[in-house]
């Protein structure tokens, strides 16, 4: 029987924030699913990844992260580009993981840190201290205790009857306190809290709370430090609940304008991109040569400049092998957002030249 119980004082602020967040989630969940578009979800996922990595000093912008995930070439440090690809793979794999599983936790770290450190997917084997500038702010438990502490924490996650919001925030703090990995602990803690929240309310899988944390980064670290000093997670739980509330308010505002934004982006699609979308609609992934034949082009550079790159840049199509842009097996397919855009154009009536094969 698991006897571990993380120290926490239940404050009126925590209770008020839980009530506020629950109400916000209810309002957001009441929004018609058709307005929660794949484009919005992808955009939120990109914001999540960019912000979480920015907290760890990754310098890539939203636009650069979007380009990396669309398979485009980006001028940036190879390590930072690898961090983006790894983070996207990890967040996309979330639905297959269980919050209380050590195996899944290690697998997530492996995806997140593959190619970045030697000990990806393994607990640290050395002592570690966390510094802010030249000041030591936290000395993590010795490596000999890490596996036992993590197992106790995960067992508590599975057994606890506390509110899911509190469980996820307490886990986040306790995880950072243990600091189980040689690197990647911050992004892992944020990823795993998102996993827990998504198990409670699926809509939270795409909530970019990391963007709020990035904007309040000093307060984030201050809350961690205060929790250390008080030997309980209360200050950090209050901070994270406040950050979740802010992220939900921003999400509600985004949902209210989703239809308008979708219309604007769809209207900005060029005739060439629109033609490419309709060629790909309802088909299996296609090679460049096949797509060129469908649109009646023989010049590859023109096709890439006017059709392929704009469609990739707007998130309308994607590569089947984004990590190997020049792979001989490379194919292209519509994203969920691209499918919606293609259907919308079909429903409002595309020009005849879009409906007939070019001779």
Protein backbone atom coordinates (compact mmCIF):
# COMPACT_ATOMS: atom_id res chain seq x y z
CA UNK A 1 0.00 0.00 0.00
CA UNK A 2 1.38 3.42 -0.95
CA UNK A 3 1.76 5.59 2.17
CA UNK A 4 3.35 8.58 0.45
CA UNK A 5 1.37 11.80 0.83
CA UNK A 6 2.83 15.05 -0.54
CA UNK A 7 2.54 17.93 1.94
CA UNK A 8 -0.06 20.52 0.94
CA UNK A 9 -2.17 23.09 2.73
CA UNK A 10 -5.57 23.57 1.10
CA UNK A 11 -6.10 27.34 0.97
CA UNK A 12 -9.15 29.43 0.10
CA UNK A 13 -7.23 30.66 -2.95
CA UNK A 14 -6.79 27.11 -4.21
CA UNK A 15 -10.48 26.34 -3.71
CA UNK A 16 -11.54 29.55 -5.45
CA UNK A 17 -9.25 28.86 -8.43
CA UNK A 18 -10.54 25.28 -8.77
CA UNK A 19 -14.12 26.59 -8.89
CA UNK A 20 -13.14 29.26 -11.42
CA UNK A 21 -11.26 26.81 -13.66
CA UNK A 22 -14.08 24.27 -13.55
CA UNK A 23 -16.53 26.94 -14.68
CA UNK A 24 -14.19 28.05 -17.47
CA UNK A 25 -13.76 24.48 -18.70
CA UNK A 26 -17.53 24.01 -18.69
CA UNK A 27 -17.96 27.11 -20.86
CA UNK A 28 -15.18 26.08 -23.22
CA UNK A 29 -16.49 22.51 -23.53
CA UNK A 30 -19.94 23.85 -24.38
CA UNK A 31 -18.55 25.39 -27.57
CA UNK A 32 -19.61 23.46 -30.65
CA UNK A 33 -16.86 20.99 -31.65
CA UNK A 34 -16.89 22.33 -35.22
CA UNK A 35 -15.40 25.58 -33.92
CA UNK A 36 -12.60 23.77 -32.11
CA UNK A 37 -10.79 23.31 -35.40
CA UNK A 38 -7.71 21.17 -36.02
CA UNK A 39 -5.98 24.37 -37.11
CA UNK A 40 -6.65 25.95 -33.71
CA UNK A 41 -5.50 22.83 -31.90
CA UNK A 42 -2.34 22.63 -33.99
CA UNK A 43 -1.69 26.31 -33.37
CA UNK A 44 -2.08 25.79 -29.62
CA UNK A 45 0.21 22.77 -29.73
CA UNK A 46 2.84 24.84 -31.53
CA UNK A 47 2.48 27.62 -28.94
CA UNK A 48 2.85 25.02 -26.18
CA UNK A 49 6.04 23.59 -27.65
CA UNK A 50 7.59 26.96 -28.47
CA UNK A 51 6.87 28.34 -25.01
CA UNK A 52 8.00 25.27 -23.08
CA UNK A 53 11.29 25.22 -24.99
CA UNK A 54 11.70 29.01 -24.68
CA UNK A 55 11.64 28.60 -20.89
CA UNK A 56 14.69 26.36 -21.40
CA UNK A 57 16.40 29.04 -23.54
CA UNK A 58 15.45 27.75 -26.99
CA UNK A 59 15.46 30.84 -29.25
CA UNK A 60 13.22 29.64 -32.12
CA UNK A 61 10.14 31.80 -32.77
CA UNK A 62 6.57 30.63 -33.32
CA UNK A 63 7.09 31.06 -37.07
CA UNK A 64 10.28 29.01 -37.03
CA UNK A 65 8.71 26.24 -34.95
CA UNK A 66 5.78 26.16 -37.38
CA UNK A 67 8.19 25.89 -40.30
CA UNK A 68 10.16 23.06 -38.66
CA UNK A 69 6.97 21.08 -38.05
CA UNK A 70 5.89 21.68 -41.66
CA UNK A 71 9.11 20.12 -42.90
CA UNK A 72 10.64 23.36 -44.15
CA UNK A 73 14.27 24.35 -43.83
CA UNK A 74 14.90 26.69 -40.91
CA UNK A 75 17.97 28.78 -40.15
CA UNK A 76 18.67 27.85 -36.56
CA UNK A 77 20.87 25.84 -34.24
CA UNK A 78 20.60 22.08 -34.97
CA UNK A 79 20.04 21.37 -31.26
CA UNK A 80 17.12 23.78 -31.07
CA UNK A 81 15.53 22.31 -34.20
CA UNK A 82 15.95 18.82 -32.71
CA UNK A 83 14.30 20.01 -29.49
CA UNK A 84 11.24 21.14 -31.48
CA UNK A 85 10.93 17.84 -33.34
CA UNK A 86 11.36 15.86 -30.14
CA UNK A 87 8.79 17.92 -28.24
CA UNK A 88 6.22 17.56 -31.01
CA UNK A 89 6.73 13.78 -31.07
CA UNK A 90 6.31 13.63 -27.30
CA UNK A 91 3.11 15.72 -27.17
CA UNK A 92 1.62 13.76 -30.08
CA UNK A 93 2.33 10.50 -28.21
CA UNK A 94 0.52 11.64 -25.05
CA UNK A 95 -2.75 9.76 -25.72
CA UNK A 96 -0.93 6.43 -25.41
CA UNK A 97 0.57 7.08 -21.96
CA UNK A 98 -0.70 6.50 -18.44
CA UNK A 99 0.16 9.20 -15.84
CA UNK A 100 1.10 6.64 -13.18
CA UNK A 101 3.39 4.53 -15.37
CA UNK A 102 7.15 4.68 -14.85
CA UNK A 103 7.67 2.94 -18.21
CA UNK A 104 5.66 5.65 -19.98
CA UNK A 105 7.47 8.40 -18.07
CA UNK A 106 10.84 7.08 -19.23
CA UNK A 107 9.56 6.63 -22.78
CA UNK A 108 8.37 10.24 -22.80
CA UNK A 109 11.79 11.45 -21.66
CA UNK A 110 13.41 9.32 -24.36
CA UNK A 111 11.30 11.00 -27.04
CA UNK A 112 11.81 14.45 -25.56
CA UNK A 113 15.59 14.23 -25.19
CA UNK A 114 16.67 11.80 -27.91
CA UNK A 115 19.84 13.03 -29.57
CA UNK A 116 20.23 15.83 -27.01
CA UNK A 117 21.77 14.00 -24.05
CA UNK A 118 23.36 10.57 -23.61
CA UNK A 119 21.07 9.43 -20.78
CA UNK A 120 17.74 9.97 -22.52
CA UNK A 121 15.03 7.73 -21.08
CA UNK A 122 17.08 6.95 -17.94
CA UNK A 123 17.16 8.43 -14.46
CA UNK A 124 20.22 10.51 -13.61
CA UNK A 125 23.24 8.84 -12.08
CA UNK A 126 24.86 11.95 -10.61
CA UNK A 127 23.99 14.53 -7.99
CA UNK A 128 22.54 17.79 -9.21
CA UNK A 129 22.05 21.28 -7.84
CA UNK A 130 19.90 23.98 -9.44
CA UNK A 131 21.37 27.47 -9.64
CA UNK A 132 19.96 30.89 -10.51
CA UNK A 133 22.97 32.88 -11.58
CA UNK A 134 25.69 31.96 -9.11
CA UNK A 135 23.29 31.11 -6.28
CA UNK A 136 22.35 27.52 -5.46
CA UNK A 137 18.56 27.47 -5.05
CA UNK A 138 17.87 23.75 -4.83
CA UNK A 139 19.85 20.59 -4.13
CA UNK A 140 18.00 17.61 -5.55
CA UNK A 141 17.88 14.26 -3.74
CA UNK A 142 20.84 11.92 -4.37
CA UNK A 143 20.60 9.68 -7.46
CA UNK A 144 20.31 6.54 -5.30
CA UNK A 145 16.87 7.75 -4.13
CA UNK A 146 15.46 8.94 -7.46
CA UNK A 147 13.80 5.72 -8.65
CA UNK A 148 12.18 5.10 -5.25
CA UNK A 149 10.90 8.68 -4.97
CA UNK A 150 9.47 8.64 -8.50
CA UNK A 151 7.76 5.29 -7.90
CA UNK A 152 6.18 6.65 -4.71
CA UNK A 153 5.04 9.78 -6.53
CA UNK A 154 3.53 7.85 -9.45
CA UNK A 155 1.79 5.44 -7.07
CA UNK A 156 0.29 8.43 -5.26
CA UNK A 157 -0.90 9.85 -8.59
CA UNK A 158 -2.75 6.60 -9.32
CA UNK A 159 -4.24 6.25 -5.83
CA UNK A 160 -5.03 9.84 -4.81
CA UNK A 161 -8.64 10.95 -4.51
CA UNK A 162 -7.72 14.66 -4.55
CA UNK A 163 -9.12 16.88 -7.28
CA UNK A 164 -7.33 16.22 -10.61
CA UNK A 165 -6.28 19.86 -10.82
CA UNK A 166 -4.52 19.63 -7.48
CA UNK A 167 -2.96 16.24 -8.28
CA UNK A 168 -1.45 17.55 -11.51
CA UNK A 169 -0.01 20.68 -9.86
CA UNK A 170 1.38 18.77 -6.87
CA UNK A 171 2.97 16.23 -9.21
CA UNK A 172 4.58 19.03 -11.21
CA UNK A 173 6.18 20.49 -8.09
CA UNK A 174 7.26 17.16 -6.59
CA UNK A 175 8.72 16.08 -9.94
CA UNK A 176 10.82 19.24 -10.17
CA UNK A 177 11.91 18.75 -6.55
CA UNK A 178 13.16 15.22 -7.28
CA UNK A 179 14.73 16.35 -10.56
CA UNK A 180 14.98 12.75 -11.79
CA UNK A 181 16.80 13.31 -15.09
CA UNK A 182 20.17 14.74 -16.08
CA UNK A 183 18.34 17.27 -18.29
CA UNK A 184 14.84 18.02 -19.52
CA UNK A 185 13.13 18.03 -16.10
CA UNK A 186 11.28 21.31 -16.65
CA UNK A 187 9.79 20.38 -20.00
CA UNK A 188 9.02 16.86 -18.70
CA UNK A 189 7.16 18.23 -15.68
CA UNK A 190 5.06 20.49 -17.88
CA UNK A 191 4.41 17.69 -20.38
CA UNK A 192 3.33 15.24 -17.69
CA UNK A 193 1.02 17.75 -16.04
CA UNK A 194 -0.62 18.31 -19.43
CA UNK A 195 -1.04 14.54 -19.74
CA UNK A 196 -2.78 14.39 -16.36
CA UNK A 197 -5.05 17.30 -17.16
CA UNK A 198 -5.97 15.77 -20.53
CA UNK A 199 -7.06 12.58 -18.76
CA UNK A 200 -9.45 14.66 -16.66
CA UNK A 201 -10.72 16.89 -19.47
CA UNK A 202 -9.52 16.04 -23.03
CA UNK A 203 -9.88 19.68 -24.10
CA UNK A 204 -6.90 20.51 -21.84
CA UNK A 205 -4.54 18.47 -24.04
CA UNK A 206 -4.31 21.53 -26.30
CA UNK A 207 -4.31 24.27 -23.65
CA UNK A 208 -1.07 26.28 -24.06
CA UNK A 209 -0.52 26.96 -20.37
CA UNK A 210 3.23 26.85 -21.09
CA UNK A 211 2.83 30.20 -22.88
CA UNK A 212 1.49 31.73 -19.66
CA UNK A 213 4.36 30.20 -17.67
CA UNK A 214 6.86 31.64 -20.14
CA UNK A 215 5.32 35.09 -19.74
CA UNK A 216 5.45 34.71 -15.94
CA UNK A 217 8.74 32.85 -15.82
CA UNK A 218 10.16 34.71 -12.82
CA UNK A 219 6.98 34.02 -10.84
CA UNK A 220 7.16 30.34 -11.89
CA UNK A 221 10.65 29.93 -10.44
CA UNK A 222 9.76 32.04 -7.40
CA UNK A 223 6.82 29.72 -6.66
CA UNK A 224 9.09 26.68 -6.90
CA UNK A 225 11.57 28.32 -4.55
CA UNK A 226 8.89 29.36 -2.04
CA UNK A 227 7.49 25.84 -2.02
CA UNK A 228 10.98 24.51 -1.27
CA UNK A 229 11.35 26.93 1.63
CA UNK A 230 7.95 26.02 3.08
CA UNK A 231 8.52 22.29 2.49
CA UNK A 232 5.11 21.96 0.81
CA UNK A 233 3.77 22.53 -2.69
CA UNK A 234 1.07 25.07 -1.75
CA UNK A 235 2.69 28.20 -3.29
CA UNK A 236 3.41 26.37 -6.52
CA UNK A 237 -0.11 24.88 -6.71
CA UNK A 238 -1.57 28.36 -6.35
CA UNK A 239 0.69 29.69 -9.09
CA UNK A 240 -0.09 26.86 -11.51
CA UNK A 241 -3.84 27.10 -10.97
CA UNK A 242 -3.66 30.83 -11.65
CA UNK A 243 -1.68 30.10 -14.85
CA UNK A 244 -4.28 27.54 -15.94
CA UNK A 245 -7.05 30.07 -15.38
CA UNK A 246 -5.26 32.68 -17.49
CA UNK A 247 -4.66 30.12 -20.27
CA UNK A 248 -8.34 29.16 -20.25
CA UNK A 249 -9.40 32.80 -20.55
CA UNK A 250 -7.12 33.19 -23.56
CA UNK A 251 -8.47 29.96 -25.08
CA UNK A 252 -12.04 31.21 -24.70
CA UNK A 253 -11.15 34.39 -26.55
CA UNK A 254 -9.49 32.33 -29.28
CA UNK A 255 -12.54 30.11 -29.67
CA UNK A 256 -14.80 33.14 -30.06
CA UNK A 257 -12.93 34.25 -33.17
CA UNK A 258 -12.02 30.86 -34.65
CA UNK A 259 -14.61 30.97 -37.43
CA UNK A 260 -13.54 34.46 -38.44
CA UNK A 261 -9.86 33.50 -38.50
CA UNK A 262 -10.57 30.34 -40.48
CA UNK A 263 -12.47 32.37 -43.07
CA UNK A 264 -9.66 34.89 -43.35
CA UNK A 265 -6.94 32.26 -43.77
CA UNK A 266 -9.00 30.29 -46.28
CA UNK A 267 -9.62 33.44 -48.31
CA UNK A 268 -5.89 34.10 -48.39
CA UNK A 269 -5.15 30.74 -50.05
CA UNK A 270 -3.87 31.24 -53.59
CA UNK A 271 -5.46 29.58 -56.58
CA UNK A 272 -2.47 27.28 -56.88
CA UNK A 273 -2.70 26.12 -53.27
CA UNK A 274 -6.45 25.67 -53.57
CA UNK A 275 -5.87 23.47 -56.62
CA UNK A 276 -3.35 21.37 -54.67
CA UNK A 277 -5.79 20.91 -51.79
CA UNK A 278 -8.50 19.64 -54.09
CA UNK A 279 -6.08 17.26 -55.80
CA UNK A 280 -5.15 15.78 -52.41
CA UNK A 281 -8.70 15.69 -51.05
CA UNK A 282 -9.89 12.15 -50.46
CA UNK A 283 -6.70 10.50 -51.71
CA UNK A 284 -3.76 8.65 -50.23
CA UNK A 285 -0.49 10.57 -49.66
CA UNK A 286 1.07 11.46 -53.01
CA UNK A 287 4.61 11.95 -54.33
CA UNK A 288 5.72 15.29 -55.76
CA UNK A 289 5.83 13.82 -59.26
CA UNK A 290 2.24 12.62 -58.95
CA UNK A 291 1.03 15.98 -57.68
CA UNK A 292 2.85 17.82 -60.46
CA UNK A 293 1.16 15.62 -63.03
CA UNK A 294 -2.24 16.30 -61.48
CA UNK A 295 -1.84 20.07 -61.63
CA UNK A 296 -0.23 19.97 -65.08
CA UNK A 297 3.25 21.24 -64.21
CA UNK A 298 6.60 19.92 -65.40
CA UNK A 299 8.91 22.42 -63.67
CA UNK A 300 9.64 21.23 -60.13
CA UNK A 301 10.96 24.59 -58.85
CA UNK A 302 7.76 26.37 -59.91
CA UNK A 303 5.63 23.68 -58.28
CA UNK A 304 7.54 23.89 -55.02
CA UNK A 305 7.48 27.71 -54.93
CA UNK A 306 3.82 28.25 -55.87
CA UNK A 307 2.10 25.12 -54.58
CA UNK A 308 4.07 23.03 -52.11
CA UNK A 309 5.83 25.58 -49.86
CA UNK A 310 2.81 27.90 -49.38
CA UNK A 311 0.60 24.93 -48.49
CA UNK A 312 3.18 23.60 -46.02
CA UNK A 313 3.69 27.03 -44.52
CA UNK A 314 -0.03 27.49 -43.81
CA UNK A 315 -0.27 24.04 -42.21
CA UNK A 316 -2.64 22.83 -44.95
CA UNK A 317 -0.51 19.86 -45.98
CA UNK A 318 2.21 17.87 -44.26
CA UNK A 319 5.02 15.46 -45.07
CA UNK A 320 4.75 11.77 -44.27
CA UNK A 321 8.45 11.87 -43.30
CA UNK A 322 9.01 15.34 -41.80
CA UNK A 323 12.35 14.36 -40.26
CA UNK A 324 13.74 13.48 -43.71
CA UNK A 325 12.49 16.13 -46.16
CA UNK A 326 14.50 14.67 -49.06
CA UNK A 327 13.59 11.03 -48.45
CA UNK A 328 12.79 9.04 -51.63
CA UNK A 329 9.74 7.73 -49.77
CA UNK A 330 8.43 11.24 -49.09
CA UNK A 331 4.72 11.78 -49.69
CA UNK A 332 2.37 14.69 -48.99
CA UNK A 333 -1.13 14.64 -47.50
CA UNK A 334 -3.74 17.05 -46.22
CA UNK A 335 -3.68 18.01 -42.56
CA UNK A 336 -7.01 18.09 -40.74
CA UNK A 337 -7.04 21.84 -41.27
CA UNK A 338 -6.31 21.31 -44.98
CA UNK A 339 -9.23 18.88 -45.24
CA UNK A 340 -11.56 21.47 -43.73
CA UNK A 341 -10.28 24.16 -46.08
CA UNK A 342 -10.70 21.89 -49.12
CA UNK A 343 -14.25 20.98 -48.09
CA UNK A 344 -15.13 24.61 -47.47
CA UNK A 345 -13.95 25.61 -50.93
CA UNK A 346 -15.88 22.75 -52.48
CA UNK A 347 -19.04 23.68 -50.60
CA UNK A 348 -18.98 27.34 -51.60
CA UNK A 349 -18.20 26.49 -55.19
CA UNK A 350 -14.66 26.51 -56.52
CA UNK A 351 -13.91 27.75 -60.04
CA UNK A 352 -14.41 25.14 -62.72
CA UNK A 353 -10.69 24.88 -63.40
CA UNK A 354 -10.35 23.39 -59.90
CA UNK A 355 -12.82 20.65 -60.66
CA UNK A 356 -11.53 19.49 -64.02
CA UNK A 357 -8.19 17.77 -64.62
CA UNK A 358 -5.74 19.93 -66.51
CA UNK A 359 -4.87 18.67 -69.98
